[in-house]
Amino acid sequence: MHLMPLQNEILKISHLNCSFEEGFCLKDISLGIGKAQRVGLVGESGSGKSLIANIILRSHLPIAIQSGVIEFEGYDLLTLDDDFMRKIRGRDIAYVAQEPLSSLNPLQKVGFQVLESLLLHCPYLSKKEMWKKVDEVFLQTGLELGLKNRYPYQLSGGQRQRVSIAMGIVNRPKILICDEPTTALDANIQKQILELLRTLGEQNQIAILLISHDLGVIRGFVDRIYVVNKGKICEEGQTQNIFEKPKNAYTKKLLDSLNLPKKSILPTNKKIFEVKNFGIIYGKKKIFFKTDFKQALLGINFSMYERETLGIVGESGSGKSSLAMGILKLIKSQGEEYLLGKRVDTLNQKTFKPYRKDIQVVFQDPYASLNPRMRVRDIISEALRLQYLQANDYHVLIEKILDDVGLDGDFANFFPYQLSGGQRQRVAIARAIILKPKIIVLDEPTSALDKRMQKIILELLLRLQEEFGLSYLFISHDLDVIEAVCDRVIVLQNGRLIESGSVMDVFGKPKELYTKSLIESRIR
């Protein structure tokens, strides 16, 4: 269908209704994006916001469109044939995914992958002209030209996201759809990427549709907000109006999720964990039997106390997760390690096994850490069996632990794929606490969750800490979370501990310039 050109909006969705076979529906979706305007699409996981983006791009799975129109430059995108749509997708409407590795080919150098966008949409250009445009877009996105010859795995998370943005803007599209482009990044890189998108949008007159579950990210970036709940837009308006005078109860709930729970109990004086001169060296085999060594951590010293939450912060690559893996003896480490007064760094895997029940872990991605072939009851009871712990009635014990993490006993029969992200993380927490540990290592436990579920999981962790007397080693790039739930904090930079102290002191009066820059990078 060919429509009359739009007057004020470059893209307009009118009364879109569609459904999946499973039953999820988009109901009466209407929204507009003006030229060079920044628009936010906000909602929890599963609300339908990414589906709206996929329908605009016509990259969705088979879905029944009942009614509606998506107008773009005088055309209804829903009626265009696939060949015409392929010309628009990437050239006029581009996309930046949440996880850049999902959109980058691991077998091709990133420079060629950006060039590929030009090969598809600008075949009339010479190779020399194309590479000139690639160089220009690399510099525009803050990437060194030497990175063109690297593969995605050789880049940091922030660099990979910049490459994805370069692929999106190399054809100077009219609209750039960004689906959670900063969720997996630390605060400093997150701020840089948002500032980059703002600058590129203004310089190139590109409209941006920013999809996010985080109203804090949206607030300082977009001009207009659409709030999506259960497949329906429940509120829309200018950004300032949405934040100051929200009308819908769901919007108010999203805004309330920005107010994180605070830790109320104090730690005791009982020391339960300590590392001295702790370090980790990675070795990589080279040709002719030589080995290259990389110092991931060096000279780390700290102690933990009963009922304490100790935060670990730093940018990607600072050594946070390496520290966790070393403490858990999942990778080889150096230095002294004391658990419950016993030196454990001298123990091998077999003799350390009895101590594993005292120090458990909850990972960032609960879906990756739960066996997809096992039911919830088997996932939780496996922890008992691996520690050779006998229980007269596993069923009663599992039902009790599920109740402790806020899940009904019926969830014991579910597989991980049948659970939401928040429910899977509760199962991961249940598996950790069933052994009654003294310490739980939390490696980005809320990063993969939307803000409302993040708040719920934090409230759960604080309640369990008070109930069971747990101590947490809390690793996160989210400084707001660290400030809310931690007693003390350690700052890592390039594998070294550069600052530590109480949360109040470190966040209120940071001594190091690096710490100060981390804190200032928070998006408020």
Protein backbone atom coordinates (compact mmCIF):
# COMPACT_ATOMS: atom_id res chain seq x y z
CA MET A 1 0.00 0.00 0.00
CA HIS A 2 1.35 3.44 -0.97
CA LEU A 3 0.35 6.21 1.44
CA MET A 4 0.51 9.96 1.44
CA PRO A 5 3.83 11.32 2.82
CA LEU A 6 3.83 12.11 6.52
CA GLN A 7 3.94 15.76 7.57
CA ASN A 8 5.64 15.76 10.99
CA GLU A 9 6.67 12.16 11.62
CA ILE A 10 9.20 10.06 9.77
CA LEU A 11 7.62 6.85 11.07
CA LYS A 12 4.11 6.32 12.42
CA ILE A 13 2.46 3.16 13.78
CA SER A 14 -1.34 3.34 13.82
CA HIS A 15 -3.59 0.88 15.70
CA LEU A 16 -1.34 -2.16 15.24
CA ASN A 17 -2.89 -5.43 16.46
CA CYS A 18 -1.14 -8.78 16.10
CA SER A 19 -0.70 -12.07 17.95
CA PHE A 20 1.44 -15.20 18.35
CA GLU A 21 0.08 -18.73 18.36
CA GLU A 22 1.19 -18.96 22.03
CA GLY A 23 -1.30 -16.21 22.87
CA PHE A 24 0.82 -13.06 23.38
CA CYS A 25 -0.70 -10.06 21.59
CA LEU A 26 0.20 -6.50 20.69
CA LYS A 27 -2.95 -4.48 21.22
CA ASP A 28 -3.75 -1.17 19.51
CA ILE A 29 -0.14 0.05 19.30
CA SER A 30 0.17 3.64 18.08
CA LEU A 31 3.36 5.70 18.19
CA GLY A 32 5.25 8.23 16.14
CA ILE A 33 8.88 9.23 15.60
CA GLY A 34 9.78 12.65 14.21
CA LYS A 35 12.83 13.48 12.12
CA ALA A 36 16.02 13.37 14.24
CA GLN A 37 13.85 12.85 17.35
CA ARG A 38 14.89 10.57 20.22
CA VAL A 39 12.03 8.38 21.44
CA GLY A 40 12.03 5.90 24.31
CA LEU A 41 10.13 2.60 24.44
CA VAL A 42 10.07 1.37 28.05
CA GLY A 43 8.72 -1.72 29.77
CA GLU A 44 9.62 -4.86 31.68
CA SER A 45 10.96 -8.03 30.09
CA GLY A 46 8.17 -9.68 28.11
CA SER A 47 6.15 -6.49 27.73
CA GLY A 48 6.44 -6.56 23.93
CA LYS A 49 8.77 -3.62 23.31
CA SER A 50 11.37 -5.60 21.31
CA LEU A 51 8.57 -7.23 19.32
CA ILE A 52 7.42 -3.77 18.19
CA ALA A 53 10.95 -3.10 16.90
CA ASN A 54 11.06 -6.45 15.10
CA ILE A 55 7.73 -5.77 13.39
CA ILE A 56 8.96 -2.36 12.20
CA LEU A 57 11.99 -4.13 10.68
CA ARG A 58 9.88 -7.09 9.52
CA SER A 59 12.41 -9.40 11.20
CA HIS A 60 9.84 -11.05 13.47
CA LEU A 61 8.87 -14.72 13.56
CA PRO A 62 5.64 -15.72 11.79
CA ILE A 63 2.95 -13.68 13.45
CA ALA A 64 -0.66 -12.91 12.62
CA ILE A 65 -1.21 -9.22 11.84
CA GLN A 66 -4.89 -8.46 12.40
CA SER A 67 -4.89 -4.74 11.66
CA GLY A 68 -2.81 -1.59 11.65
CA VAL A 69 -0.41 0.43 9.53
CA ILE A 70 3.31 1.25 9.85
CA GLU A 71 3.92 4.34 7.71
CA PHE A 72 7.44 5.19 6.52
CA GLU A 73 8.20 7.60 3.68
CA GLY A 74 4.78 7.11 2.14
CA TYR A 75 4.78 3.31 2.37
CA ASP A 76 3.08 0.84 4.67
CA LEU A 77 5.94 -1.41 5.81
CA LEU A 78 3.53 -4.24 6.54
CA THR A 79 2.50 -4.50 2.87
CA LEU A 80 5.94 -4.30 1.20
CA ASP A 81 7.40 -7.40 -0.44
CA ASP A 82 10.56 -8.96 1.02
CA ASP A 83 12.92 -7.54 -1.66
CA PHE A 84 11.75 -3.97 -1.07
CA MET A 85 11.92 -4.44 2.68
CA ARG A 86 15.52 -5.69 2.46
CA LYS A 87 16.47 -2.42 0.76
CA ILE A 88 14.93 -0.39 3.57
CA ARG A 89 16.30 -2.56 6.40
CA GLY A 90 19.87 -1.44 7.16
CA ARG A 91 19.81 1.46 4.69
CA ASP A 92 16.89 3.57 5.95
CA ILE A 93 16.04 1.83 9.23
CA ALA A 94 19.01 0.30 11.07
CA TYR A 95 19.25 -1.76 14.24
CA VAL A 96 21.69 -2.04 17.17
CA ALA A 97 21.22 -5.15 19.33
CA GLN A 98 21.63 -5.49 23.10
CA GLU A 99 24.41 -8.05 22.80
CA PRO A 100 26.81 -7.08 19.97
CA LEU A 101 28.24 -10.60 19.76
CA SER A 102 24.84 -11.78 18.50
CA SER A 103 25.03 -9.38 15.54
CA LEU A 104 28.74 -9.76 14.73
CA ASN A 105 30.21 -12.67 12.75
CA PRO A 106 32.94 -14.25 14.92
CA LEU A 107 34.80 -15.47 11.81
CA GLN A 108 35.14 -12.07 10.08
CA LYS A 109 37.20 -9.01 10.91
CA VAL A 110 35.04 -6.16 12.14
CA GLY A 111 36.18 -3.72 9.45
CA PHE A 112 34.85 -6.02 6.72
CA GLN A 113 31.58 -6.45 8.62
CA VAL A 114 31.00 -2.69 8.53
CA LEU A 115 32.01 -2.67 4.85
CA GLU A 116 29.44 -5.40 4.20
CA SER A 117 26.61 -2.97 4.98
CA LEU A 118 27.86 -0.73 2.16
CA LEU A 119 28.27 -3.69 -0.23
CA LEU A 120 24.60 -4.54 0.31
CA HIS A 121 23.16 -1.05 -0.03
CA CYS A 122 25.70 1.02 -2.01
CA PRO A 123 27.09 -1.31 -4.73
CA TYR A 124 27.60 1.68 -7.03
CA LEU A 125 30.50 2.92 -4.85
CA SER A 126 34.07 1.86 -5.62
CA LYS A 127 35.95 -0.23 -3.05
CA LYS A 128 38.17 2.77 -2.30
CA GLU A 129 35.13 4.96 -1.60
CA MET A 130 33.61 2.25 0.60
CA TRP A 131 36.73 1.85 2.73
CA LYS A 132 36.92 5.62 3.08
CA LYS A 133 33.38 5.60 4.48
CA VAL A 134 34.33 2.73 6.85
CA ASP A 135 37.29 4.78 8.11
CA GLU A 136 35.06 7.81 8.61
CA VAL A 137 32.47 5.86 10.61
CA PHE A 138 35.16 4.18 12.73
CA LEU A 139 36.53 7.58 13.70
CA GLN A 140 33.00 8.92 14.27
CA THR A 141 32.26 6.13 16.73
CA GLY A 142 35.54 6.57 18.58
CA LEU A 143 37.27 3.46 17.22
CA GLU A 144 40.93 3.40 16.19
CA LEU A 145 41.44 2.47 12.55
CA GLY A 146 43.74 -0.38 13.58
CA LEU A 147 40.77 -2.18 15.11
CA LYS A 148 39.36 -2.83 11.62
CA ASN A 149 41.66 -5.87 11.35
CA ARG A 150 40.53 -7.47 14.60
CA TYR A 151 37.92 -10.14 15.21
CA PRO A 152 35.00 -9.51 17.60
CA TYR A 153 36.51 -11.66 20.38
CA GLN A 154 39.59 -9.40 20.37
CA LEU A 155 37.53 -6.34 21.31
CA SER A 156 36.10 -5.20 24.62
CA GLY A 157 32.33 -5.03 25.19
CA GLY A 158 32.30 -1.28 24.62
CA GLN A 159 34.33 -1.59 21.40
CA ARG A 160 32.03 -4.31 20.08
CA GLN A 161 29.00 -2.11 20.74
CA ARG A 162 30.69 0.77 18.90
CA VAL A 163 31.28 -1.54 15.92
CA SER A 164 27.56 -2.45 15.97
CA ILE A 165 26.69 1.26 15.97
CA ALA A 166 29.17 1.84 13.11
CA MET A 167 27.40 -0.90 11.11
CA GLY A 168 24.09 0.80 11.84
CA ILE A 169 25.03 4.33 10.80
CA VAL A 170 27.44 3.69 7.91
CA ASN A 171 24.55 4.07 5.42
CA ARG A 172 23.26 7.21 7.18
CA PRO A 173 19.84 5.73 8.01
CA LYS A 174 16.86 7.91 8.84
CA ILE A 175 16.00 5.83 11.93
CA LEU A 176 18.28 3.86 14.27
CA ILE A 177 16.54 1.34 16.55
CA CYS A 178 18.66 0.62 19.65
CA ASP A 179 17.43 -2.39 21.65
CA GLU A 180 18.92 -2.19 25.20
CA PRO A 181 22.29 -1.05 23.76
CA THR A 182 23.92 -0.39 27.15
CA THR A 183 22.45 -3.04 29.47
CA ALA A 184 25.50 -5.34 29.44
CA LEU A 185 28.03 -2.49 29.82
CA ASP A 186 29.61 -0.94 32.90
CA ALA A 187 28.55 2.55 33.96
CA ASN A 188 31.45 4.43 32.34
CA ILE A 189 31.07 2.70 28.94
CA GLN A 190 27.28 2.98 29.21
CA LYS A 191 27.52 6.74 29.51
CA GLN A 192 30.00 6.94 26.61
CA ILE A 193 27.72 4.90 24.31
CA LEU A 194 24.67 7.06 25.09
CA GLU A 195 26.65 10.27 24.50
CA LEU A 196 27.94 8.78 21.24
CA LEU A 197 24.40 7.94 20.08
CA ARG A 198 23.21 11.44 20.96
CA THR A 199 26.09 13.07 19.04
CA LEU A 200 25.70 10.82 15.98
CA GLY A 201 21.95 11.42 15.91
CA GLU A 202 22.39 15.19 15.99
CA GLN A 203 25.27 15.27 13.47
CA ASN A 204 23.59 12.99 10.94
CA GLN A 205 19.94 13.93 11.60
CA ILE A 206 19.12 10.34 12.59
CA ALA A 207 15.99 9.59 14.61
CA ILE A 208 16.62 7.13 17.46
CA LEU A 209 14.16 4.67 18.99
CA LEU A 210 15.76 3.61 22.29
CA ILE A 211 14.31 0.46 23.84
CA SER A 212 15.07 -0.06 27.53
CA HIS A 213 13.72 -1.45 30.79
CA ASP A 214 15.64 1.26 32.68
CA LEU A 215 13.83 4.58 33.07
CA GLY A 216 17.03 6.01 34.54
CA VAL A 217 18.82 5.49 31.20
CA ILE A 218 15.87 6.82 29.23
CA ARG A 219 15.40 9.99 31.31
CA GLY A 220 18.35 12.05 30.12
CA PHE A 221 18.35 10.80 26.53
CA VAL A 222 14.91 10.86 24.91
CA ASP A 223 12.40 13.60 24.13
CA ARG A 224 9.31 11.41 24.35
CA ILE A 225 8.46 8.14 26.15
CA TYR A 226 6.05 5.33 25.34
CA VAL A 227 5.45 2.89 28.24
CA VAL A 228 4.56 -0.69 27.21
CA ASN A 229 2.82 -3.19 29.50
CA LYS A 230 1.58 -6.64 28.42
CA GLY A 231 1.60 -5.73 24.74
CA LYS A 232 -0.19 -2.41 25.12
CA ILE A 233 1.00 1.19 25.37
CA CYS A 234 -0.37 2.26 28.74
CA GLU A 235 1.10 5.78 28.81
CA GLU A 236 2.92 8.22 26.56
CA GLY A 237 4.17 11.76 26.85
CA GLN A 238 7.10 14.15 27.09
CA THR A 239 9.91 12.77 29.23
CA GLN A 240 9.64 15.42 31.93
CA ASN A 241 5.88 14.92 32.27
CA ILE A 242 6.21 11.13 32.57
CA PHE A 243 8.75 11.46 35.39
CA GLU A 244 7.07 14.29 37.27
CA LYS A 245 3.38 13.40 36.78
CA PRO A 246 2.96 9.74 35.78
CA LYS A 247 -0.70 8.85 35.30
CA ASN A 248 -0.69 5.08 34.91
CA ALA A 249 -0.17 2.76 37.91
CA TYR A 250 2.29 0.63 35.90
CA THR A 251 4.43 3.69 35.06
CA LYS A 252 4.46 4.62 38.75
CA LYS A 253 5.59 1.07 39.55
CA LEU A 254 8.47 1.35 37.04
CA LEU A 255 9.53 4.67 38.55
CA ASP A 256 9.34 3.22 42.06
CA SER A 257 11.72 0.43 41.02
CA LEU A 258 14.47 3.07 40.76
CA ASN A 259 14.30 3.41 44.57
CA LEU A 260 16.42 0.44 45.62
CA PRO A 261 16.08 -1.31 49.00
CA LYS A 262 18.73 -0.53 51.63
CA LYS A 263 20.66 -2.97 53.81
CA SER A 264 19.52 -2.57 57.42
CA ILE A 265 21.49 -5.14 59.46
CA LEU A 266 25.08 -4.50 60.51
CA PRO A 267 27.95 -6.99 60.12
CA THR A 268 29.46 -8.63 63.19
CA ASN A 269 33.15 -8.58 64.22
CA LYS A 270 33.55 -12.27 63.33
CA LYS A 271 36.01 -12.63 60.41
CA ILE A 272 34.97 -15.46 58.11
CA PHE A 273 37.09 -14.92 55.00
CA GLU A 274 40.43 -13.33 54.10
CA VAL A 275 42.86 -13.20 51.18
CA LYS A 276 46.48 -12.04 51.37
CA ASN A 277 48.61 -11.06 48.38
CA PHE A 278 46.06 -12.80 46.15
CA GLY A 279 46.73 -12.97 42.43
CA ILE A 280 45.79 -14.74 39.20
CA ILE A 281 47.97 -15.30 36.15
CA TYR A 282 46.54 -16.60 32.89
CA GLY A 283 48.84 -18.63 30.66
CA LYS A 284 48.35 -19.02 26.91
CA LYS A 285 50.34 -21.55 24.89
CA LYS A 286 52.24 -20.09 21.95
CA ILE A 287 54.08 -21.65 19.04
CA PHE A 288 57.32 -23.57 19.77
CA PHE A 289 56.06 -24.51 23.25
CA LYS A 290 56.39 -20.97 24.62
CA THR A 291 53.76 -19.63 27.00
CA ASP A 292 52.54 -16.05 27.27
CA PHE A 293 51.45 -14.98 30.74
CA LYS A 294 48.92 -12.29 31.58
CA GLN A 295 48.62 -10.92 35.12
CA ALA A 296 44.85 -10.63 35.74
CA LEU A 297 45.12 -9.85 39.47
CA LEU A 298 48.05 -8.87 41.65
CA GLY A 299 48.51 -8.23 45.37
CA ILE A 300 44.85 -8.26 46.45
CA ASN A 301 44.25 -8.08 50.22
CA PHE A 302 40.89 -7.93 52.00
CA SER A 303 38.78 -9.54 54.75
CA MET A 304 35.05 -10.29 55.08
CA TYR A 305 32.91 -10.49 58.20
CA GLU A 306 29.74 -12.30 59.17
CA ARG A 307 26.54 -10.66 57.76
CA GLU A 308 28.67 -8.26 55.71
CA THR A 309 28.10 -7.37 52.06
CA LEU A 310 31.36 -6.47 50.36
CA GLY A 311 31.03 -4.83 46.94
CA ILE A 312 33.54 -5.28 44.12
CA VAL A 313 33.44 -2.61 41.40
CA GLY A 314 35.49 -1.70 38.37
CA GLU A 315 35.21 -1.45 34.61
CA SER A 316 35.04 -4.48 32.31
CA GLY A 317 38.43 -6.20 32.33
CA SER A 318 39.38 -4.87 35.77
CA GLY A 319 39.50 -8.40 37.23
CA LYS A 320 36.18 -8.60 39.13
CA SER A 321 35.03 -11.95 37.76
CA SER A 322 38.58 -13.35 37.80
CA LEU A 323 38.69 -12.57 41.52
CA ALA A 324 35.45 -14.50 42.04
CA MET A 325 36.63 -17.50 40.02
CA GLY A 326 39.94 -17.56 41.91
CA ILE A 327 38.27 -17.42 45.32
CA LEU A 328 35.98 -20.30 44.30
CA LYS A 329 38.99 -22.30 43.07
CA LEU A 330 37.53 -22.49 39.58
CA ILE A 331 40.77 -21.06 38.19
CA LYS A 332 44.30 -21.29 39.56
CA SER A 333 45.34 -18.53 41.96
CA GLN A 334 48.31 -17.35 44.01
CA GLY A 335 48.55 -16.03 47.55
CA GLU A 336 46.88 -16.99 50.81
CA GLU A 337 43.17 -17.68 51.25
CA TYR A 338 41.45 -18.29 54.60
CA LEU A 339 37.88 -19.59 54.95
CA LEU A 340 36.33 -19.81 58.42
CA GLY A 341 39.80 -19.58 59.97
CA LYS A 342 41.22 -22.44 57.86
CA ARG A 343 43.88 -21.83 55.20
CA VAL A 344 42.44 -23.30 51.99
CA ASP A 345 44.78 -22.12 49.21
CA THR A 346 47.07 -25.11 49.92
CA LEU A 347 44.22 -27.60 49.41
CA ASN A 348 43.68 -29.44 46.13
CA GLN A 349 40.26 -29.84 44.48
CA LYS A 350 39.49 -33.03 46.41
CA THR A 351 40.43 -31.75 49.87
CA PHE A 352 38.73 -28.37 49.21
CA LYS A 353 35.42 -30.05 48.28
CA PRO A 354 34.01 -30.17 51.87
CA TYR A 355 34.48 -26.39 52.09
CA ARG A 356 32.48 -25.68 48.93
CA LYS A 357 29.21 -25.86 50.85
CA ASP A 358 30.40 -22.84 52.88
CA ILE A 359 31.07 -20.63 49.86
CA GLN A 360 28.49 -20.75 47.07
CA VAL A 361 27.95 -18.68 43.91
CA VAL A 362 25.08 -17.09 41.96
CA PHE A 363 26.01 -16.15 38.39
CA GLN A 364 24.88 -13.26 36.18
CA ASP A 365 22.92 -15.34 33.67
CA PRO A 366 20.67 -17.84 35.47
CA TYR A 367 19.66 -19.50 32.20
CA ALA A 368 23.30 -20.38 31.40
CA SER A 369 23.98 -21.67 34.92
CA LEU A 370 20.93 -23.96 35.15
CA ASN A 371 20.88 -27.32 33.36
CA PRO A 372 18.09 -27.01 30.74
CA ARG A 373 17.42 -30.78 30.86
CA MET A 374 16.77 -30.88 34.60
CA ARG A 375 13.66 -29.92 36.51
CA VAL A 376 13.95 -27.36 39.28
CA ARG A 377 13.75 -30.02 42.02
CA ASP A 378 16.69 -31.92 40.46
CA ILE A 379 18.75 -28.73 40.02
CA ILE A 380 18.37 -27.88 43.70
CA SER A 381 18.79 -31.42 45.07
CA GLU A 382 21.91 -31.90 42.92
CA ALA A 383 23.73 -29.50 45.24
CA LEU A 384 23.00 -31.84 48.17
CA ARG A 385 24.03 -34.98 46.30
CA LEU A 386 27.32 -33.49 45.09
CA GLN A 387 28.21 -32.72 48.70
CA TYR A 388 27.17 -36.26 49.75
CA LEU A 389 24.58 -34.76 52.09
CA GLN A 390 21.68 -37.04 52.90
CA ALA A 391 18.14 -35.85 53.48
CA ASN A 392 15.30 -38.05 54.61
CA ASP A 393 12.83 -36.19 52.46
CA TYR A 394 14.23 -34.08 49.60
CA HIS A 395 10.69 -33.09 48.61
CA VAL A 396 9.99 -31.30 51.90
CA LEU A 397 13.42 -29.64 51.93
CA ILE A 398 13.07 -28.37 48.34
CA GLU A 399 9.55 -27.09 48.97
CA LYS A 400 10.85 -25.19 52.03
CA ILE A 401 13.77 -23.63 50.13
CA LEU A 402 11.51 -22.61 47.22
CA ASP A 403 9.20 -20.95 49.73
CA ASP A 404 12.22 -19.13 51.20
CA VAL A 405 12.98 -17.57 47.80
CA GLY A 406 9.33 -16.72 47.12
CA LEU A 407 8.38 -19.53 44.74
CA ASP A 408 5.42 -21.88 45.01
CA GLY A 409 6.15 -25.59 45.50
CA ASP A 410 4.69 -26.35 42.04
CA PHE A 411 7.78 -24.74 40.49
CA ALA A 412 9.77 -27.84 41.52
CA ASN A 413 8.35 -29.62 38.44
CA PHE A 414 9.26 -26.87 35.96
CA PHE A 415 12.19 -26.79 33.53
CA PRO A 416 14.31 -23.58 33.33
CA TYR A 417 12.83 -22.60 29.94
CA GLN A 418 9.38 -22.45 31.55
CA LEU A 419 10.51 -19.77 34.00
CA SER A 420 10.97 -16.02 33.67
CA GLY A 421 14.39 -14.43 34.22
CA GLY A 422 13.51 -13.46 37.79
CA GLN A 423 12.18 -16.94 38.58
CA ARG A 424 15.33 -18.57 37.20
CA GLN A 425 17.48 -16.32 39.37
CA ARG A 426 15.41 -17.33 42.42
CA VAL A 427 16.11 -20.98 41.59
CA ALA A 428 19.84 -20.20 41.35
CA ILE A 429 19.67 -18.51 44.76
CA ALA A 430 17.72 -21.48 46.20
CA ARG A 431 20.41 -23.86 44.93
CA ALA A 432 23.07 -21.75 46.65
CA ILE A 433 21.39 -21.39 50.04
CA ILE A 434 20.15 -24.99 50.42
CA LEU A 435 23.67 -25.95 51.57
CA LYS A 436 23.48 -23.29 54.32
CA PRO A 437 26.67 -21.49 53.22
CA LYS A 438 28.43 -18.76 55.15
CA ILE A 439 29.36 -16.77 52.02
CA ILE A 440 27.66 -16.34 48.64
CA VAL A 441 29.58 -14.85 45.73
CA LEU A 442 27.10 -12.82 43.67
CA ASP A 443 28.54 -12.19 40.21
CA GLU A 444 26.31 -9.53 38.62
CA PRO A 445 23.16 -11.30 39.96
CA THR A 446 20.73 -8.61 38.76
CA SER A 447 22.38 -7.33 35.55
CA ALA A 448 20.27 -9.53 33.26
CA LEU A 449 17.00 -8.46 34.92
CA ASP A 450 14.72 -5.49 34.36
CA LYS A 451 14.62 -2.81 37.07
CA ARG A 452 11.47 -3.99 38.83
CA MET A 453 12.70 -7.59 39.02
CA GLN A 454 16.12 -6.29 40.07
CA LYS A 455 14.51 -4.59 43.06
CA ILE A 456 12.57 -7.75 43.95
CA ILE A 457 15.73 -9.91 43.85
CA LEU A 458 17.67 -7.40 45.97
CA GLU A 459 14.88 -7.39 48.56
CA LEU A 460 15.02 -11.19 48.56
CA LEU A 461 18.81 -11.24 49.04
CA LEU A 462 18.60 -8.79 51.94
CA ARG A 463 15.85 -10.82 53.61
CA LEU A 464 17.80 -14.08 53.23
CA GLN A 465 20.94 -12.40 54.59
CA GLU A 466 19.09 -11.37 57.73
CA GLU A 467 17.35 -14.75 58.11
CA PHE A 468 20.39 -17.00 57.56
CA GLY A 469 23.24 -14.70 58.64
CA LEU A 470 24.81 -14.74 55.16
CA SER A 471 27.79 -12.75 53.94
CA TYR A 472 27.83 -11.58 50.31
CA LEU A 473 30.71 -10.82 47.97
CA PHE A 474 28.72 -8.65 45.57
CA ILE A 475 30.25 -8.03 42.12
CA SER A 476 28.46 -5.47 39.97
CA HIS A 477 28.97 -2.70 37.42
CA ASP A 478 25.78 -1.06 38.74
CA LEU A 479 27.04 1.45 41.29
CA ASP A 480 23.50 2.28 42.47
CA VAL A 481 23.04 -1.35 43.54
CA ILE A 482 26.42 -1.42 45.29
CA GLU A 483 25.67 1.79 47.17
CA ALA A 484 22.26 0.48 48.29
CA VAL A 485 23.13 -3.00 49.59
CA CYS A 486 26.84 -3.02 50.52
CA ASP A 487 28.66 -2.17 53.76
CA ARG A 488 32.11 -1.79 52.22
CA VAL A 489 33.41 -1.58 48.67
CA ILE A 490 36.62 -2.51 46.84
CA VAL A 491 37.60 -0.74 43.62
CA LEU A 492 39.64 -2.71 41.06
CA GLN A 493 41.52 -1.24 38.11
CA ASN A 494 43.64 -3.32 35.73
CA GLY A 495 43.85 -6.17 38.23
CA ARG A 496 44.91 -4.07 41.21
CA LEU A 497 43.02 -2.93 44.28
CA ILE A 498 43.29 0.85 44.15
CA GLU A 499 40.78 1.89 46.82
CA SER A 500 38.62 0.36 49.55
CA GLY A 501 36.52 1.50 52.47
CA SER A 502 32.97 1.96 53.65
CA VAL A 503 30.38 2.67 50.96
CA MET A 504 29.76 6.09 52.52
CA ASP A 505 33.44 7.06 52.37
CA VAL A 506 34.22 5.68 48.90
CA PHE A 507 31.06 7.06 47.26
CA GLY A 508 31.05 10.31 49.25
CA LYS A 509 34.76 11.17 49.23
CA PRO A 510 36.66 9.02 46.71
CA LYS A 511 40.44 9.34 46.99
CA GLU A 512 41.45 8.05 43.55
CA LEU A 513 40.69 9.82 40.27
CA TYR A 514 39.60 6.48 38.74
CA THR A 515 37.06 5.93 41.52
CA LYS A 516 35.80 9.48 41.13
CA SER A 517 35.32 9.00 37.37
CA LEU A 518 33.42 5.74 37.97
CA ILE A 519 31.04 7.41 40.40
CA GLU A 520 30.54 10.44 38.15
CA SER A 521 29.73 8.15 35.22
CA ARG A 522 26.48 7.05 36.85
CA ILE A 523 23.45 8.01 34.79
CA ARG A 524 21.01 9.95 36.97
